[in-house]
């Protein structure tokens, strides 16, 4: 399986989980589209290759999860916005509507 196929499968899985989760609000797609942003949560403590600060711009993040969030947001025709959180607190952030998806 090539990288593009694998990434496509991951995007599909993330969208399915976003649509089918009982934790997320039923109108999550409306929230995303009306706000023109996909709010995604991650934990930089995990480091590379997942999500970590850029060397040239430490206030921005890079990594696999960033690429995945960009692909999902592009599919939904919105902009991705990263929210840092402790991994064990991410489900609470999702339930509270602070993020739309956890990567």
PDB file of N, CA and C in Angstrom:
ATOM      1  N   UNK A   1       0.853  -1.171   0.000  1.00  0.00           N
ATOM      2  CA  UNK A   1       0.000   0.000   0.000  1.00  0.00           C
ATOM      3  C   UNK A   1       0.901   1.237   0.000  1.00  0.00           C
ATOM      4  N   UNK A   2       0.608   2.183  -0.902  1.00  0.00           N
ATOM      5  CA  UNK A   2       1.431   3.383  -0.945  1.00  0.00           C
ATOM      6  C   UNK A   2       0.960   4.416   0.077  1.00  0.00           C
ATOM      7  N   UNK A   3       1.757   5.441   0.246  1.00  0.00           N
ATOM      8  CA  UNK A   3       1.490   6.452   1.280  1.00  0.00           C
ATOM      9  C   UNK A   3       0.175   7.192   1.023  1.00  0.00           C
ATOM     10  N   UNK A   4      -0.102   7.490  -0.245  1.00  0.00           N
ATOM     11  CA  UNK A   4      -1.323   8.221  -0.578  1.00  0.00           C
ATOM     12  C   UNK A   4      -2.573   7.406  -0.250  1.00  0.00           C
ATOM     13  N   UNK A   5      -2.523   6.110  -0.550  1.00  0.00           N
ATOM     14  CA  UNK A   5      -3.653   5.237  -0.245  1.00  0.00           C
ATOM     15  C   UNK A   5      -3.859   5.142   1.262  1.00  0.00           C
ATOM     16  N   UNK A   6      -2.756   4.976   1.993  1.00  0.00           N
ATOM     17  CA  UNK A   6      -2.846   4.879   3.455  1.00  0.00           C
ATOM     18  C   UNK A   6      -3.414   6.155   4.050  1.00  0.00           C
ATOM     19  N   UNK A   7      -2.955   7.312   3.565  1.00  0.00           N
ATOM     20  CA  UNK A   7      -3.454   8.587   4.074  1.00  0.00           C
ATOM     21  C   UNK A   7      -4.931   8.750   3.743  1.00  0.00           C
ATOM     22  N   UNK A   8      -5.327   8.337   2.539  1.00  0.00           N
ATOM     23  CA  UNK A   8      -6.734   8.404   2.150  1.00  0.00           C
ATOM     24  C   UNK A   8      -7.606   7.554   3.053  1.00  0.00           C
ATOM     25  N   UNK A   9      -7.115   6.357   3.396  1.00  0.00           N
ATOM     26  CA  UNK A   9      -7.863   5.483   4.297  1.00  0.00           C
ATOM     27  C   UNK A   9      -7.993   6.111   5.674  1.00  0.00           C
ATOM     28  N   UNK A  10      -6.913   6.724   6.172  1.00  0.00           N
ATOM     29  CA  UNK A  10      -6.961   7.368   7.483  1.00  0.00           C
ATOM     30  C   UNK A  10      -7.927   8.543   7.496  1.00  0.00           C
ATOM     31  N   UNK A  11      -7.930   9.320   6.419  1.00  0.00           N
ATOM     32  CA  UNK A  11      -8.872  10.438   6.320  1.00  0.00           C
ATOM     33  C   UNK A  11     -10.303   9.907   6.370  1.00  0.00           C
ATOM     34  N   UNK A  12     -10.550   8.843   5.620  1.00  0.00           N
ATOM     35  CA  UNK A  12     -11.884   8.241   5.620  1.00  0.00           C
ATOM     36  C   UNK A  12     -12.293   7.757   6.993  1.00  0.00           C
ATOM     37  N   UNK A  13     -11.384   7.088   7.681  1.00  0.00           N
ATOM     38  CA  UNK A  13     -11.678   6.603   9.032  1.00  0.00           C
ATOM     39  C   UNK A  13     -11.950   7.751   9.991  1.00  0.00           C
ATOM     40  N   UNK A  14     -11.157   8.810   9.887  1.00  0.00           N
ATOM     41  CA  UNK A  14     -11.366   9.960  10.773  1.00  0.00           C
ATOM     42  C   UNK A  14     -12.724  10.601  10.506  1.00  0.00           C
ATOM     43  N   UNK A  15     -13.101  10.718   9.230  1.00  0.00           N
ATOM     44  CA  UNK A  15     -14.409  11.302   8.905  1.00  0.00           C
ATOM     45  C   UNK A  15     -15.546  10.417   9.390  1.00  0.00           C
ATOM     46  N   UNK A  16     -15.386   9.096   9.254  1.00  0.00           N
ATOM     47  CA  UNK A  16     -16.421   8.190   9.743  1.00  0.00           C
ATOM     48  C   UNK A  16     -16.569   8.296  11.246  1.00  0.00           C
ATOM     49  N   UNK A  17     -15.447   8.395  11.958  1.00  0.00           N
ATOM     50  CA  UNK A  17     -15.540   8.501  13.413  1.00  0.00           C
ATOM     51  C   UNK A  17     -16.138   9.836  13.819  1.00  0.00           C
ATOM     52  N   UNK A  18     -15.837  10.872  13.055  1.00  0.00           N
ATOM     53  CA  UNK A  18     -16.401  12.190  13.327  1.00  0.00           C
ATOM     54  C   UNK A  18     -17.911  12.161  13.147  1.00  0.00           C
ATOM     55  N   UNK A  19     -18.376  11.456  12.124  1.00  0.00           N
ATOM     56  CA  UNK A  19     -19.805  11.417  11.830  1.00  0.00           C
ATOM     57  C   UNK A  19     -20.568  10.478  12.747  1.00  0.00           C
ATOM     58  N   UNK A  20     -19.909   9.430  13.243  1.00  0.00           N
ATOM     59  CA  UNK A  20     -20.657   8.408  13.962  1.00  0.00           C
ATOM     60  C   UNK A  20     -20.468   8.415  15.469  1.00  0.00           C
ATOM     61  N   UNK A  21     -19.591   9.238  15.976  1.00  0.00           N
ATOM     62  CA  UNK A  21     -19.336   9.205  17.410  1.00  0.00           C
ATOM     63  C   UNK A  21     -20.540   9.701  18.209  1.00  0.00           C
ATOM     64  N   UNK A  22     -20.816   9.026  19.301  1.00  0.00           N
ATOM     65  CA  UNK A  22     -21.895   9.458  20.183  1.00  0.00           C
ATOM     66  C   UNK A  22     -21.448  10.592  21.076  1.00  0.00           C
ATOM     67  N   UNK A  23     -20.148  10.828  21.144  1.00  0.00           N
ATOM     68  CA  UNK A  23     -19.597  11.874  21.998  1.00  0.00           C
ATOM     69  C   UNK A  23     -19.785  13.244  21.358  1.00  0.00           C
ATOM     70  N   UNK A  24     -19.587  13.324  20.051  1.00  0.00           N
ATOM     71  CA  UNK A  24     -19.685  14.601  19.358  1.00  0.00           C
ATOM     72  C   UNK A  24     -21.145  15.001  19.218  1.00  0.00           C
ATOM     73  N   UNK A  25     -21.382  16.302  19.132  1.00  0.00           N
ATOM     74  CA  UNK A  25     -22.738  16.788  18.924  1.00  0.00           C
ATOM     75  C   UNK A  25     -23.238  16.362  17.555  1.00  0.00           C
ATOM     76  N   UNK A  26     -24.527  16.179  17.429  1.00  0.00           N
ATOM     77  CA  UNK A  26     -25.132  15.724  16.182  1.00  0.00           C
ATOM     78  C   UNK A  26     -24.938  16.742  15.062  1.00  0.00           C
ATOM     79  N   UNK A  27     -24.815  18.003  15.400  1.00  0.00           N
ATOM     80  CA  UNK A  27     -24.689  19.048  14.385  1.00  0.00           C
ATOM     81  C   UNK A  27     -23.241  19.464  14.165  1.00  0.00           C
ATOM     82  N   UNK A  28     -22.302  18.559  14.407  1.00  0.00           N
ATOM     83  CA  UNK A  28     -20.889  18.907  14.330  1.00  0.00           C
ATOM     84  C   UNK A  28     -20.498  19.373  12.926  1.00  0.00           C
ATOM     85  N   UNK A  29     -21.042  18.759  11.876  1.00  0.00           N
ATOM     86  CA  UNK A  29     -20.698  19.201  10.526  1.00  0.00           C
ATOM     87  C   UNK A  29     -21.200  20.618  10.269  1.00  0.00           C
ATOM     88  N   UNK A  30     -22.381  20.951  10.786  1.00  0.00           N
ATOM     89  CA  UNK A  30     -22.889  22.314  10.647  1.00  0.00           C
ATOM     90  C   UNK A  30     -21.987  23.301  11.375  1.00  0.00           C
ATOM     91  N   UNK A  31     -21.516  22.923  12.552  1.00  0.00           N
ATOM     92  CA  UNK A  31     -20.588  23.779  13.312  1.00  0.00           C
ATOM     93  C   UNK A  31     -19.306  24.010  12.539  1.00  0.00           C
ATOM     94  N   UNK A  32     -18.785  22.943  11.960  1.00  0.00           N
ATOM     95  CA  UNK A  32     -17.535  23.045  11.207  1.00  0.00           C
ATOM     96  C   UNK A  32     -17.721  23.959  10.008  1.00  0.00           C
ATOM     97  N   UNK A  33     -18.769  23.728   9.259  1.00  0.00           N
ATOM     98  CA  UNK A  33     -18.990  24.516   8.044  1.00  0.00           C
ATOM     99  C   UNK A  33     -19.340  25.970   8.346  1.00  0.00           C
ATOM    100  N   UNK A  34     -20.142  26.207   9.367  1.00  0.00           N
ATOM    101  CA  UNK A  34     -20.519  27.591   9.678  1.00  0.00           C
ATOM    102  C   UNK A  34     -19.334  28.372  10.234  1.00  0.00           C
ATOM    103  N   UNK A  35     -18.476  27.705  10.977  1.00  0.00           N
ATOM    104  CA  UNK A  35     -17.290  28.362  11.515  1.00  0.00           C
ATOM    105  C   UNK A  35     -16.130  28.391  10.551  1.00  0.00           C
ATOM    106  N   UNK A  36     -16.284  27.651   9.421  1.00  0.00           N
ATOM    107  CA  UNK A  36     -15.244  27.558   8.393  1.00  0.00           C
ATOM    108  C   UNK A  36     -13.931  27.018   8.936  1.00  0.00           C
ATOM    109  N   UNK A  37     -14.000  26.268  10.075  1.00  0.00           N
ATOM    110  CA  UNK A  37     -12.793  25.708  10.686  1.00  0.00           C
ATOM    111  C   UNK A  37     -13.058  24.302  11.185  1.00  0.00           C
ATOM    112  N   UNK A  38     -12.055  23.464  11.039  1.00  0.00           N
ATOM    113  CA  UNK A  38     -12.041  22.150  11.671  1.00  0.00           C
ATOM    114  C   UNK A  38     -11.138  22.286  12.886  1.00  0.00           C
ATOM    115  N   UNK A  39     -11.715  22.277  14.063  1.00  0.00           N
ATOM    116  CA  UNK A  39     -10.936  22.377  15.296  1.00  0.00           C
ATOM    117  C   UNK A  39     -10.483  20.980  15.666  1.00  0.00           C
ATOM    118  N   UNK A  40      -9.175  20.752  15.598  1.00  0.00           N
ATOM    119  CA  UNK A  40      -8.661  19.420  15.913  1.00  0.00           C
ATOM    120  C   UNK A  40      -7.700  19.498  17.084  1.00  0.00           C
ATOM    121  N   UNK A  41      -7.789  18.484  17.922  1.00  0.00           N
ATOM    122  CA  UNK A  41      -6.963  18.442  19.120  1.00  0.00           C
ATOM    123  C   UNK A  41      -5.872  17.409  19.014  1.00  0.00           C
ATOM    124  N   UNK A  42      -4.749  17.745  19.576  1.00  0.00           N
ATOM    125  CA  UNK A  42      -3.605  16.843  19.621  1.00  0.00           C
ATOM    126  C   UNK A  42      -2.714  17.215  20.786  1.00  0.00           C
ATOM    127  N   UNK A  43      -1.730  16.380  21.033  1.00  0.00           N
ATOM    128  CA  UNK A  43      -0.809  16.600  22.150  1.00  0.00           C
ATOM    129  C   UNK A  43       0.620  16.606  21.637  1.00  0.00           C
ATOM    130  N   UNK A  44       1.241  17.780  21.670  1.00  0.00           N
ATOM    131  CA  UNK A  44       2.619  17.927  21.204  1.00  0.00           C
ATOM    132  C   UNK A  44       3.614  17.132  22.045  1.00  0.00           C
ATOM    133  N   UNK A  45       3.211  16.721  23.234  1.00  0.00           N
ATOM    134  CA  UNK A  45       4.114  15.959  24.107  1.00  0.00           C
ATOM    135  C   UNK A  45       4.536  14.645  23.451  1.00  0.00           C
ATOM    136  N   UNK A  46       3.682  14.117  22.556  1.00  0.00           N
ATOM    137  CA  UNK A  46       4.016  12.893  21.841  1.00  0.00           C
ATOM    138  C   UNK A  46       5.171  13.099  20.879  1.00  0.00           C
ATOM    139  N   UNK A  47       5.343  14.331  20.422  1.00  0.00           N
ATOM    140  CA  UNK A  47       6.451  14.676  19.550  1.00  0.00           C
ATOM    141  C   UNK A  47       6.318  14.112  18.144  1.00  0.00           C
ATOM    142  N   UNK A  48       7.466  14.146  17.437  1.00  0.00           N
ATOM    143  CA  UNK A  48       7.504  13.672  16.053  1.00  0.00           C
ATOM    144  C   UNK A  48       7.408  12.173  15.982  1.00  0.00           C
ATOM    145  N   UNK A  49       6.885  11.687  14.914  1.00  0.00           N
ATOM    146  CA  UNK A  49       6.484  12.384  13.688  1.00  0.00           C
ATOM    147  C   UNK A  49       5.036  12.854  13.700  1.00  0.00           C
ATOM    148  N   UNK A  50       4.367  12.795  14.828  1.00  0.00           N
ATOM    149  CA  UNK A  50       2.921  13.064  14.870  1.00  0.00           C
ATOM    150  C   UNK A  50       2.591  14.548  14.845  1.00  0.00           C
ATOM    151  N   UNK A  51       2.888  15.256  15.886  1.00  0.00           N
ATOM    152  CA  UNK A  51       2.663  16.707  15.928  1.00  0.00           C
ATOM    153  C   UNK A  51       3.736  17.305  16.840  1.00  0.00           C
ATOM    154  N   UNK A  52       4.429  18.311  16.310  1.00  0.00           N
ATOM    155  CA  UNK A  52       5.511  18.937  17.064  1.00  0.00           C
ATOM    156  C   UNK A  52       5.763  20.332  16.495  1.00  0.00           C
ATOM    157  N   UNK A  53       6.376  21.243  17.289  1.00  0.00           N
ATOM    158  CA  UNK A  53       6.625  22.610  16.821  1.00  0.00           C
ATOM    159  C   UNK A  53       7.622  22.625  15.659  1.00  0.00           C
ATOM    160  N   UNK A  54       7.379  23.533  14.729  1.00  0.00           N
ATOM    161  CA  UNK A  54       8.306  23.700  13.602  1.00  0.00           C
ATOM    162  C   UNK A  54       9.590  24.341  14.105  1.00  0.00           C
ATOM    163  N   UNK A  55      10.705  23.957  13.526  1.00  0.00           N
ATOM    164  CA  UNK A  55      11.992  24.549  13.907  1.00  0.00           C
ATOM    165  C   UNK A  55      12.072  26.024  13.523  1.00  0.00           C
ATOM    166  N   UNK A  56      11.557  26.358  12.339  1.00  0.00           N
ATOM    167  CA  UNK A  56      11.658  27.733  11.848  1.00  0.00           C
ATOM    168  C   UNK A  56      10.566  28.658  12.394  1.00  0.00           C
ATOM    169  N   UNK A  57       9.449  28.080  12.850  1.00  0.00           N
ATOM    170  CA  UNK A  57       8.345  28.855  13.432  1.00  0.00           C
ATOM    171  C   UNK A  57       7.762  28.064  14.593  1.00  0.00           C
ATOM    172  N   UNK A  58       8.342  28.196  15.785  1.00  0.00           N
ATOM    173  CA  UNK A  58       7.926  27.378  16.937  1.00  0.00           C
ATOM    174  C   UNK A  58       6.469  27.551  17.373  1.00  0.00           C
ATOM    175  N   UNK A  59       5.808  28.614  16.928  1.00  0.00           N
ATOM    176  CA  UNK A  59       4.403  28.795  17.292  1.00  0.00           C
ATOM    177  C   UNK A  59       3.475  27.984  16.390  1.00  0.00           C
ATOM    178  N   UNK A  60       4.020  27.378  15.333  1.00  0.00           N
ATOM    179  CA  UNK A  60       3.252  26.533  14.430  1.00  0.00           C
ATOM    180  C   UNK A  60       3.690  25.085  14.610  1.00  0.00           C
ATOM    181  N   UNK A  61       2.786  24.162  14.281  1.00  0.00           N
ATOM    182  CA  UNK A  61       3.103  22.744  14.408  1.00  0.00           C
ATOM    183  C   UNK A  61       3.212  22.088  13.037  1.00  0.00           C
ATOM    184  N   UNK A  62       3.887  20.965  13.010  1.00  0.00           N
ATOM    185  CA  UNK A  62       4.060  20.168  11.803  1.00  0.00           C
ATOM    186  C   UNK A  62       3.968  18.700  12.187  1.00  0.00           C
ATOM    187  N   UNK A  63       3.945  17.837  11.212  1.00  0.00           N
ATOM    188  CA  UNK A  63       3.928  16.406  11.482  1.00  0.00           C
ATOM    189  C   UNK A  63       2.782  15.693  10.793  1.00  0.00           C
ATOM    190  N   UNK A  64       2.720  14.384  10.983  1.00  0.00           N
ATOM    191  CA  UNK A  64       1.729  13.533  10.341  1.00  0.00           C
ATOM    192  C   UNK A  64       0.302  13.960  10.683  1.00  0.00           C
ATOM    193  N   UNK A  65       0.034  14.234  11.952  1.00  0.00           N
ATOM    194  CA  UNK A  65      -1.321  14.623  12.351  1.00  0.00           C
ATOM    195  C   UNK A  65      -1.723  15.957  11.735  1.00  0.00           C
ATOM    196  N   UNK A  66      -0.763  16.857  11.563  1.00  0.00           N
ATOM    197  CA  UNK A  66      -1.026  18.145  10.922  1.00  0.00           C
ATOM    198  C   UNK A  66      -1.427  17.905   9.465  1.00  0.00           C
ATOM    199  N   UNK A  67      -0.674  17.028   8.785  1.00  0.00           N
ATOM    200  CA  UNK A  67      -1.002  16.693   7.394  1.00  0.00           C
ATOM    201  C   UNK A  67      -2.388  16.058   7.294  1.00  0.00           C
ATOM    202  N   UNK A  68      -2.690  15.170   8.213  1.00  0.00           N
ATOM    203  CA  UNK A  68      -3.995  14.512   8.227  1.00  0.00           C
ATOM    204  C   UNK A  68      -5.119  15.527   8.446  1.00  0.00           C
ATOM    205  N   UNK A  69      -4.938  16.445   9.396  1.00  0.00           N
ATOM    206  CA  UNK A  69      -5.943  17.483   9.661  1.00  0.00           C
ATOM    207  C   UNK A  69      -6.143  18.367   8.432  1.00  0.00           C
ATOM    208  N   UNK A  70      -5.065  18.689   7.729  1.00  0.00           N
ATOM    209  CA  UNK A  70      -5.172  19.505   6.518  1.00  0.00           C
ATOM    210  C   UNK A  70      -5.980  18.786   5.443  1.00  0.00           C
ATOM    211  N   UNK A  71      -5.765  17.481   5.302  1.00  0.00           N
ATOM    212  CA  UNK A  71      -6.500  16.701   4.289  1.00  0.00           C
ATOM    213  C   UNK A  71      -7.994  16.621   4.633  1.00  0.00           C
ATOM    214  N   UNK A  72      -8.297  16.390   5.892  1.00  0.00           N
ATOM    215  CA  UNK A  72      -9.699  16.327   6.308  1.00  0.00           C
ATOM    216  C   UNK A  72     -10.364  17.683   6.091  1.00  0.00           C
ATOM    217  N   UNK A  73      -9.687  18.751   6.503  1.00  0.00           N
ATOM    218  CA  UNK A  73     -10.230  20.101   6.348  1.00  0.00           C
ATOM    219  C   UNK A  73     -10.424  20.437   4.870  1.00  0.00           C
ATOM    220  N   UNK A  74      -9.484  20.057   4.022  1.00  0.00           N
ATOM    221  CA  UNK A  74      -9.614  20.316   2.589  1.00  0.00           C
ATOM    222  C   UNK A  74     -10.832  19.584   2.030  1.00  0.00           C
ATOM    223  N   UNK A  75     -11.050  18.354   2.478  1.00  0.00           N
ATOM    224  CA  UNK A  75     -12.218  17.589   2.042  1.00  0.00           C
ATOM    225  C   UNK A  75     -13.504  18.302   2.431  1.00  0.00           C
ATOM    226  N   UNK A  76     -13.514  18.882   3.629  1.00  0.00           N
ATOM    227  CA  UNK A  76     -14.695  19.590   4.133  1.00  0.00           C
ATOM    228  C   UNK A  76     -14.765  21.045   3.648  1.00  0.00           C
ATOM    229  N   UNK A  77     -13.712  21.485   2.943  1.00  0.00           N
ATOM    230  CA  UNK A  77     -13.616  22.854   2.416  1.00  0.00           C
ATOM    231  C   UNK A  77     -13.611  23.904   3.530  1.00  0.00           C
ATOM    232  N   UNK A  78     -12.827  23.626   4.567  1.00  0.00           N
ATOM    233  CA  UNK A  78     -12.645  24.546   5.695  1.00  0.00           C
ATOM    234  C   UNK A  78     -11.159  24.596   6.041  1.00  0.00           C
ATOM    235  N   UNK A  79     -10.803  25.432   6.989  1.00  0.00           N
ATOM    236  CA  UNK A  79      -9.418  25.540   7.442  1.00  0.00           C
ATOM    237  C   UNK A  79      -9.220  24.727   8.718  1.00  0.00           C
ATOM    238  N   UNK A  80      -8.061  24.062   8.848  1.00  0.00           N
ATOM    239  CA  UNK A  80      -7.784  23.345  10.096  1.00  0.00           C
ATOM    240  C   UNK A  80      -7.242  24.307  11.153  1.00  0.00           C
ATOM    241  N   UNK A  81      -7.614  24.063  12.406  1.00  0.00           N
ATOM    242  CA  UNK A  81      -7.067  24.860  13.513  1.00  0.00           C
ATOM    243  C   UNK A  81      -6.692  23.912  14.649  1.00  0.00           C
ATOM    244  N   UNK A  82      -5.422  23.936  15.021  1.00  0.00           N
ATOM    245  CA  UNK A  82      -4.890  23.040  16.050  1.00  0.00           C
ATOM    246  C   UNK A  82      -5.189  23.567  17.441  1.00  0.00           C
ATOM    247  N   UNK A  83      -5.548  22.650  18.337  1.00  0.00           N
ATOM    248  CA  UNK A  83      -5.717  22.958  19.751  1.00  0.00           C
ATOM    249  C   UNK A  83      -4.873  21.973  20.545  1.00  0.00           C
ATOM    250  N   UNK A  84      -3.949  22.502  21.337  1.00  0.00           N
ATOM    251  CA  UNK A  84      -3.090  21.678  22.173  1.00  0.00           C
ATOM    252  C   UNK A  84      -3.855  21.235  23.411  1.00  0.00           C
ATOM    253  N   UNK A  85      -3.672  19.992  23.780  1.00  0.00           N
ATOM    254  CA  UNK A  85      -4.291  19.489  24.996  1.00  0.00           C
ATOM    255  C   UNK A  85      -3.574  18.250  25.487  1.00  0.00           C
ATOM    256  N   UNK A  86      -3.697  17.966  26.753  1.00  0.00           N
ATOM    257  CA  UNK A  86      -3.135  16.725  27.287  1.00  0.00           C
ATOM    258  C   UNK A  86      -3.939  15.565  26.720  1.00  0.00           C
ATOM    259  N   UNK A  87      -3.226  14.504  26.339  1.00  0.00           N
ATOM    260  CA  UNK A  87      -3.882  13.387  25.675  1.00  0.00           C
ATOM    261  C   UNK A  87      -5.039  12.827  26.501  1.00  0.00           C
ATOM    262  N   UNK A  88      -4.853  12.677  27.795  1.00  0.00           N
ATOM    263  CA  UNK A  88      -5.912  12.081  28.620  1.00  0.00           C
ATOM    264  C   UNK A  88      -7.106  13.022  28.819  1.00  0.00           C
ATOM    265  N   UNK A  89      -6.958  14.292  28.475  1.00  0.00           N
ATOM    266  CA  UNK A  89      -8.050  15.263  28.596  1.00  0.00           C
ATOM    267  C   UNK A  89      -8.785  15.491  27.275  1.00  0.00           C
ATOM    268  N   UNK A  90      -8.287  14.903  26.197  1.00  0.00           N
ATOM    269  CA  UNK A  90      -8.893  15.123  24.883  1.00  0.00           C
ATOM    270  C   UNK A  90     -10.370  14.712  24.816  1.00  0.00           C
ATOM    271  N   UNK A  91     -10.765  13.566  25.374  1.00  0.00           N
ATOM    272  CA  UNK A  91     -12.199  13.234  25.321  1.00  0.00           C
ATOM    273  C   UNK A  91     -13.074  14.301  25.988  1.00  0.00           C
ATOM    274  N   UNK A  92     -12.585  14.899  27.074  1.00  0.00           N
ATOM    275  CA  UNK A  92     -13.344  15.974  27.723  1.00  0.00           C
ATOM    276  C   UNK A  92     -13.464  17.191  26.812  1.00  0.00           C
ATOM    277  N   UNK A  93     -12.382  17.498  26.089  1.00  0.00           N
ATOM    278  CA  UNK A  93     -12.405  18.628  25.154  1.00  0.00           C
ATOM    279  C   UNK A  93     -13.396  18.365  24.019  1.00  0.00           C
ATOM    280  N   UNK A  94     -13.459  17.116  23.574  1.00  0.00           N
ATOM    281  CA  UNK A  94     -14.395  16.737  22.517  1.00  0.00           C
ATOM    282  C   UNK A  94     -15.839  16.868  23.007  1.00  0.00           C
ATOM    283  N   UNK A  95     -16.112  16.343  24.192  1.00  0.00           N
ATOM    284  CA  UNK A  95     -17.466  16.433  24.767  1.00  0.00           C
ATOM    285  C   UNK A  95     -17.893  17.880  24.993  1.00  0.00           C
ATOM    286  N   UNK A  96     -16.941  18.728  25.368  1.00  0.00           N
ATOM    287  CA  UNK A  96     -17.243  20.139  25.641  1.00  0.00           C
ATOM    288  C   UNK A  96     -17.342  20.968  24.358  1.00  0.00           C
ATOM    289  N   UNK A  97     -17.041  20.359  23.211  1.00  0.00           N
ATOM    290  CA  UNK A  97     -17.128  21.090  21.949  1.00  0.00           C
ATOM    291  C   UNK A  97     -15.939  21.992  21.680  1.00  0.00           C
ATOM    292  N   UNK A  98     -14.851  21.815  22.430  1.00  0.00           N
ATOM    293  CA  UNK A  98     -13.650  22.637  22.208  1.00  0.00           C
ATOM    294  C   UNK A  98     -12.888  22.185  20.977  1.00  0.00           C
ATOM    295  N   UNK A  99     -13.068  20.932  20.585  1.00  0.00           N
ATOM    296  CA  UNK A  99     -12.500  20.385  19.355  1.00  0.00           C
ATOM    297  C   UNK A  99     -13.576  19.561  18.659  1.00  0.00           C
ATOM    298  N   UNK A 100     -13.439  19.433  17.345  1.00  0.00           N
ATOM    299  CA  UNK A 100     -14.363  18.616  16.573  1.00  0.00           C
ATOM    300  C   UNK A 100     -13.866  17.179  16.434  1.00  0.00           C
ATOM    301  N   UNK A 101     -12.547  17.015  16.454  1.00  0.00           N
ATOM    302  CA  UNK A 101     -11.945  15.706  16.238  1.00  0.00           C
ATOM    303  C   UNK A 101     -10.611  15.650  16.992  1.00  0.00           C
ATOM    304  N   UNK A 102     -10.259  14.460  17.442  1.00  0.00           N
ATOM    305  CA  UNK A 102      -8.979  14.236  18.114  1.00  0.00           C
ATOM    306  C   UNK A 102      -8.105  13.419  17.178  1.00  0.00           C
ATOM    307  N   UNK A 103      -6.885  13.880  16.970  1.00  0.00           N
ATOM    308  CA  UNK A 103      -5.945  13.130  16.134  1.00  0.00           C
ATOM    309  C   UNK A 103      -4.764  12.712  16.977  1.00  0.00           C
TER     310      UNK A 103
END
